[in-house]
Amino acid sequence: MASQTSYASIVIATDDDLSTAVDCRGLIPLGIQCPATITSASITFKASALDSAHPDVPFTTYGSLYNKNGEVSYAVAANRFIALDPADFAGVASFKIATASGEAANRKFAVIMRHDA
């Protein structure tokens, strides 16, 4: 079975600490490319499942993403490519990137996802 790769961009706005959402239904997040400049030293994630009453719609409420070891967190740096553990995103319909503090300027991240064809 061949797999295909998709890309999405998400942004953390100036003075904000939470990105726009990326829809990953049917896709498996594999990695994140950090921007050329970033204020924060680490990122965490806010995730949403599907709304059971409306199976095609993610919940509008996001909660912190945890795995068996605790909150999912990665160290970040300018231009760093972060390989994600796909198991951490099982069942996630959409997610946002959270930084520890507000960013000094708009920060654009690339999210790389795989879907099986």
Protein backbone atom coordinates (compact mmCIF):
# COMPACT_ATOMS: atom_id res chain seq x y z
CA MET A 1 0.00 0.00 0.00
CA ALA A 2 1.45 3.33 -1.04
CA SER A 3 1.33 6.31 1.26
CA GLN A 4 1.16 9.95 0.34
CA THR A 5 2.40 13.00 2.21
CA SER A 6 0.38 16.15 2.90
CA TYR A 7 1.52 19.48 4.30
CA ALA A 8 -0.31 22.09 6.32
CA SER A 9 0.77 25.46 7.68
CA ILE A 10 -0.26 26.73 11.07
CA VAL A 11 0.53 30.08 12.64
CA ILE A 12 1.04 31.39 16.14
CA ALA A 13 0.21 35.10 15.98
CA THR A 14 2.29 37.86 17.58
CA ASP A 15 1.90 37.92 21.40
CA ASP A 16 -0.07 34.65 21.29
CA ASP A 17 0.92 31.23 22.62
CA LEU A 18 -1.51 29.04 20.67
CA SER A 19 -1.57 28.30 16.95
CA THR A 20 -4.39 27.99 14.51
CA ALA A 21 -5.74 24.43 14.23
CA VAL A 22 -4.69 21.78 11.74
CA ASP A 23 -7.28 19.22 10.63
CA CYS A 24 -5.70 15.78 10.66
CA ARG A 25 -8.74 13.51 10.29
CA GLY A 26 -7.61 10.55 8.23
CA LEU A 27 -4.01 11.78 8.34
CA ILE A 28 -1.12 10.79 10.59
CA PRO A 29 1.12 13.65 11.81
CA LEU A 30 4.76 12.74 11.20
CA GLY A 31 6.71 15.93 11.77
CA ILE A 32 6.80 19.67 12.32
CA GLN A 33 9.21 22.14 10.75
CA CYS A 34 9.87 25.05 13.10
CA PRO A 35 10.10 28.62 11.78
CA ALA A 36 13.39 30.43 11.21
CA THR A 37 12.87 32.33 14.48
CA ILE A 38 11.03 31.21 17.59
CA THR A 39 10.85 32.75 21.06
CA SER A 40 9.83 29.68 23.05
CA ALA A 41 12.13 26.75 23.88
CA SER A 42 9.43 24.07 23.86
CA ILE A 43 6.03 23.23 22.42
CA THR A 44 3.10 21.19 23.62
CA PHE A 45 -0.16 20.36 21.88
CA LYS A 46 -3.86 20.98 22.37
CA ALA A 47 -5.94 18.25 20.76
CA SER A 48 -9.57 17.67 19.84
CA ALA A 49 -11.46 14.45 19.06
CA LEU A 50 -14.51 14.15 16.86
CA ASP A 51 -17.89 15.24 18.19
CA SER A 52 -19.86 12.00 18.73
CA ALA A 53 -23.13 13.78 17.86
CA HIS A 54 -21.61 15.07 14.59
CA PRO A 55 -18.96 12.54 13.48
CA ASP A 56 -17.59 14.77 10.72
CA VAL A 57 -16.94 17.71 13.05
CA PRO A 58 -14.08 18.05 15.58
CA PHE A 59 -14.98 19.23 19.06
CA THR A 60 -14.44 22.94 19.49
CA THR A 61 -12.87 22.33 22.90
CA TYR A 62 -9.17 21.46 22.94
CA GLY A 63 -7.36 19.72 25.79
CA SER A 64 -3.69 19.12 26.48
CA LEU A 65 -2.29 16.10 24.61
CA TYR A 66 -0.93 13.38 26.92
CA ASN A 67 0.55 9.96 26.30
CA LYS A 68 1.44 7.26 28.85
CA ASN A 69 4.54 9.26 29.89
CA GLY A 70 2.78 12.57 30.48
CA GLU A 71 2.17 15.71 28.45
CA VAL A 72 3.55 15.47 24.89
CA SER A 73 6.29 18.10 24.65
CA TYR A 74 9.22 18.79 22.32
CA ALA A 75 12.22 21.12 22.54
CA VAL A 76 12.20 23.62 19.68
CA ALA A 77 14.77 25.81 17.98
CA ALA A 78 14.98 27.87 14.81
CA ASN A 79 14.53 25.73 11.67
CA ARG A 80 14.41 22.52 13.73
CA PHE A 81 12.56 19.58 12.19
CA ILE A 82 10.75 17.60 14.87
CA ALA A 83 9.82 13.98 14.12
CA LEU A 84 6.53 13.21 15.88
CA ASP A 85 5.46 9.86 17.31
CA PRO A 86 2.33 8.98 15.29
CA ALA A 87 0.98 6.92 18.22
CA ASP A 88 0.61 10.12 20.26
CA PHE A 89 -1.87 11.47 17.70
CA ALA A 90 -4.08 8.37 17.37
CA GLY A 91 -7.71 9.48 17.45
CA VAL A 92 -6.87 13.19 17.21
CA ALA A 93 -9.15 15.02 14.77
CA SER A 94 -7.34 18.37 15.00
CA PHE A 95 -4.61 19.95 17.07
CA LYS A 96 -2.92 23.22 17.89
CA ILE A 97 0.67 23.97 18.89
CA ALA A 98 1.13 25.72 22.23
CA THR A 99 4.23 27.61 23.38
CA ALA A 100 5.15 28.46 26.97
CA SER A 101 4.77 32.20 26.33
CA GLY A 102 3.59 34.63 23.67
CA GLU A 103 5.67 34.76 20.51
CA ALA A 104 7.44 38.03 19.62
CA ALA A 105 6.14 37.89 16.02
CA ASN A 106 3.98 35.66 13.82
CA ARG A 107 5.45 32.14 13.72
CA LYS A 108 4.58 29.78 10.86
CA PHE A 109 5.05 26.03 11.32
CA ALA A 110 4.80 23.36 8.63
CA VAL A 111 3.07 20.12 9.62
CA ILE A 112 3.89 17.02 7.63
CA MET A 113 1.25 14.26 7.60
CA ARG A 114 0.85 10.90 5.91
CA HIS A 115 -2.25 9.25 4.58
CA ASP A 116 -2.38 5.75 3.19
CA ALA A 117 -3.69 5.39 -0.34
